[in-house]
Amino acid sequence: RGNNARAIREESSCKVAIDTNVTSGHQQVKLIGEPRNLTLALALVNRHIQDQFGTPGYTEWSTIKGFDRAGNPVHCSPGELSTSWIKGDRGDQWSEWEEERERTPRRPPMPAAPPP
């Protein structure tokens, strides 16, 4: 218990506070430090989360995008699930599911400048 927080503290030199309340498998993490150290601390938190990929309950856990005022989980809609971090034999990579991804309409091309 506390090994992850201790490791993040030692490696990033940030203060790390993890709320003891667990809601639908989520805990609030508070990081305090210099910007450069915070970047490292966030990367370490992200690594810990990515290490959970493929474990029982990860998919359900990862679809929760927040909590309402009553503390109930608010899940992503299928259209919001456009990217996923994949740990595979070709290395870690982002993968996109084109059929679920919404595209921003393209802007019309800029008119050509008149000749000088």
Foldseek 3Di string as FASTA:
>chain_A
DCPLQVVLCVVLVWHWDWDPDAALNDIDIDTDDDPVSVVSSVVSVVVVLVVCPPPPPNVVVVQFPDADPVRHTDGHDQLVCFWDWDADPVGIDIDGDVVSYDDDDDDDDDDDDDDD
